[in-house]
């Protein structure tokens, strides 16, 4: 399934050009290049969104990886880094007899994962704000790390609430 994912400028109200260009061939690095499965779109109006939200369904994953809490912590950390996000905190919990839930708190928003090793399935949610972040890259890392046989990726832009559309915001950590 090929789906174009929009790029965005996450800081509505900040001075910026009307269109933010992104190349289809832009890659984060050689290990995780942009691919047909996780493409980046070309252009869009930058003041229309506050963030990009990706919902990723991973099927036919390696059950051992889906049940390995330490492995998943490393995979989530790698995904955040490849997306260009800032990891603030990471919590995970392994369930008995199987399954792991993980939540990465990002300066730009979050990454969550819930696994069902007995079904080879993982549900992933990646939401980021920031013109430097690419949540589709986090999705690509997780699909590859979990050896997903196939996946379904749904993404959408979070719209700017009209009450803050023209307000200059100055986030800080």
Protein backbone atom coordinates (compact mmCIF):
# COMPACT_ATOMS: atom_id res chain seq x y z
CA UNK A 1 0.00 0.00 0.00
CA UNK A 2 1.53 3.30 -1.07
CA UNK A 3 0.34 6.38 0.75
CA UNK A 4 1.77 9.88 0.59
CA UNK A 5 2.28 11.41 4.00
CA UNK A 6 2.09 15.20 4.25
CA UNK A 7 4.96 17.15 5.72
CA UNK A 8 4.05 20.07 7.95
CA UNK A 9 5.12 23.14 9.78
CA UNK A 10 4.02 22.60 13.38
CA UNK A 11 4.19 26.16 14.61
CA UNK A 12 1.26 28.03 13.11
CA UNK A 13 1.69 31.74 13.54
CA UNK A 14 5.44 31.62 13.15
CA UNK A 15 6.85 33.48 10.18
CA UNK A 16 7.36 30.97 7.38
CA UNK A 17 6.99 30.73 3.64
CA UNK A 18 3.55 29.79 2.35
CA UNK A 19 4.74 26.38 1.15
CA UNK A 20 7.30 24.06 2.74
CA UNK A 21 8.87 21.85 0.06
CA UNK A 22 9.93 18.28 0.74
CA UNK A 23 11.60 15.99 -1.74
CA UNK A 24 10.36 12.43 -2.34
CA UNK A 25 14.00 11.34 -2.28
CA UNK A 26 14.81 12.97 1.07
CA UNK A 27 16.19 10.36 3.47
CA UNK A 28 17.02 10.62 7.14
CA UNK A 29 20.11 8.47 6.57
CA UNK A 30 21.27 5.48 4.53
CA UNK A 31 19.85 2.99 7.05
CA UNK A 32 16.30 4.32 6.73
CA UNK A 33 15.80 5.96 3.32
CA UNK A 34 12.40 7.21 2.24
CA UNK A 35 10.66 4.32 0.50
CA UNK A 36 7.45 3.70 -1.42
CA UNK A 37 5.97 2.22 1.75
CA UNK A 38 6.80 5.30 3.82
CA UNK A 39 6.91 8.22 1.35
CA UNK A 40 7.00 11.93 2.13
CA UNK A 41 4.73 14.27 0.18
CA UNK A 42 5.89 17.26 -1.83
CA UNK A 43 4.22 20.51 -0.65
CA UNK A 44 1.33 21.79 1.46
CA UNK A 45 0.27 25.06 3.10
CA UNK A 46 2.35 25.40 6.29
CA UNK A 47 -0.10 27.31 8.45
CA UNK A 48 -2.89 24.71 8.17
CA UNK A 49 -1.63 22.19 10.71
CA UNK A 50 -0.22 21.80 14.21
CA UNK A 51 0.98 18.24 13.79
CA UNK A 52 1.05 15.02 11.84
CA UNK A 53 -0.52 11.86 13.23
CA UNK A 54 0.36 8.38 11.92
CA UNK A 55 -1.56 5.24 12.85
CA UNK A 56 0.39 2.10 11.94
CA UNK A 57 -0.90 -1.47 11.99
CA UNK A 58 1.91 -4.07 11.85
CA UNK A 59 1.07 -7.64 10.83
CA UNK A 60 3.05 -10.89 10.76
CA UNK A 61 5.73 -9.51 13.08
CA UNK A 62 8.34 -11.61 14.85
CA UNK A 63 6.50 -12.79 18.01
CA UNK A 64 9.72 -12.93 20.06
CA UNK A 65 10.46 -9.26 19.29
CA UNK A 66 6.87 -8.27 20.13
CA UNK A 67 7.26 -9.84 23.58
CA UNK A 68 10.73 -8.48 24.36
CA UNK A 69 10.37 -5.35 26.49
CA UNK A 70 14.06 -4.38 26.30
CA UNK A 71 14.10 -4.83 22.52
CA UNK A 72 10.99 -2.66 22.16
CA UNK A 73 12.51 0.08 24.34
CA UNK A 74 15.51 0.18 22.01
CA UNK A 75 13.30 0.12 18.89
CA UNK A 76 11.11 2.97 20.17
CA UNK A 77 14.18 5.03 21.07
CA UNK A 78 15.62 4.44 17.58
CA UNK A 79 12.29 5.36 15.99
CA UNK A 80 12.13 8.66 17.89
CA UNK A 81 15.70 9.50 16.91
CA UNK A 82 15.14 8.67 13.21
CA UNK A 83 12.02 10.87 13.22
CA UNK A 84 14.12 13.77 14.48
CA UNK A 85 12.14 13.91 17.73
CA UNK A 86 13.34 14.61 21.27
CA UNK A 87 12.71 11.72 23.67
CA UNK A 88 11.78 13.03 27.13
CA UNK A 89 10.66 9.82 28.82
CA UNK A 90 9.94 6.21 27.94
CA UNK A 91 7.77 3.83 29.94
CA UNK A 92 6.99 0.23 29.08
CA UNK A 93 5.11 -2.63 30.68
CA UNK A 94 5.27 -6.33 29.87
CA UNK A 95 2.06 -8.27 30.42
CA UNK A 96 1.68 -11.92 31.47
CA UNK A 97 1.56 -14.23 29.71
CA UNK A 98 2.64 -12.00 26.78
CA UNK A 99 2.50 -8.54 25.24
CA UNK A 100 4.13 -5.18 25.81
CA UNK A 101 2.84 -1.62 25.88
CA UNK A 102 5.26 1.26 25.44
CA UNK A 103 4.82 5.01 25.55
CA UNK A 104 7.48 7.49 24.53
CA UNK A 105 6.86 11.05 25.66
CA UNK A 106 8.40 13.34 23.06
CA UNK A 107 8.98 17.09 23.24
CA UNK A 108 7.00 17.05 19.98
CA UNK A 109 4.20 14.72 21.27
CA UNK A 110 4.34 10.88 21.58
CA UNK A 111 4.91 7.37 20.22
CA UNK A 112 2.89 4.46 21.58
CA UNK A 113 2.94 0.75 20.81
CA UNK A 114 0.80 -2.15 21.96
CA UNK A 115 1.79 -5.69 20.99
CA UNK A 116 0.02 -9.02 20.68
CA UNK A 117 2.82 -11.58 20.16
CA UNK A 118 0.34 -14.47 19.95
CA UNK A 119 -1.10 -12.80 16.81
CA UNK A 120 2.11 -11.31 15.41
CA UNK A 121 0.42 -7.90 15.62
CA UNK A 122 1.39 -4.44 16.88
CA UNK A 123 -0.64 -1.22 17.00
CA UNK A 124 1.48 1.94 16.75
CA UNK A 125 0.55 5.60 17.15
CA UNK A 126 3.01 8.39 16.29
CA UNK A 127 2.02 12.05 16.69
CA UNK A 128 4.58 14.81 16.19
CA UNK A 129 4.70 18.55 15.93
CA UNK A 130 7.75 20.32 14.59
CA UNK A 131 9.06 21.21 11.18
CA UNK A 132 12.08 19.02 11.93
CA UNK A 133 10.12 15.83 12.65
CA UNK A 134 9.05 13.04 10.30
CA UNK A 135 6.73 10.57 12.05
CA UNK A 136 6.62 8.34 8.97
CA UNK A 137 10.31 7.63 9.58
CA UNK A 138 9.48 6.41 13.10
CA UNK A 139 6.86 4.13 11.53
CA UNK A 140 9.37 2.78 9.03
CA UNK A 141 11.90 2.01 11.77
CA UNK A 142 9.33 0.14 13.86
CA UNK A 143 8.05 -1.88 10.88
CA UNK A 144 11.60 -2.89 9.98
CA UNK A 145 12.76 -3.59 13.55
CA UNK A 146 9.72 -5.78 14.26
CA UNK A 147 10.15 -7.64 10.95
CA UNK A 148 6.58 -6.85 9.91
CA UNK A 149 5.38 -9.02 7.02
CA UNK A 150 2.96 -6.27 6.03
CA UNK A 151 1.48 -3.09 7.40
CA UNK A 152 -1.28 -0.53 7.05
CA UNK A 153 -0.38 3.12 7.53
CA UNK A 154 -2.98 5.85 8.00
CA UNK A 155 -1.92 9.44 8.52
CA UNK A 156 -3.52 12.83 8.76
CA UNK A 157 -2.66 16.39 9.66
CA UNK A 158 -3.98 17.85 12.88
CA UNK A 159 -5.61 21.16 11.96
CA UNK A 160 -4.74 24.43 13.62
CA UNK A 161 -7.52 25.58 15.96
CA UNK A 162 -8.72 28.96 14.70
CA UNK A 163 -8.18 30.47 18.17
CA UNK A 164 -4.40 30.04 17.84
CA UNK A 165 -3.93 30.24 14.06
CA UNK A 166 -2.59 33.80 14.15
CA UNK A 167 -0.88 33.65 17.55
CA UNK A 168 2.91 33.53 17.71
CA UNK A 169 3.95 30.65 19.93
CA UNK A 170 7.37 30.23 21.44
CA UNK A 171 7.74 26.68 22.83
CA UNK A 172 10.56 25.85 25.21
CA UNK A 173 11.66 22.77 27.12
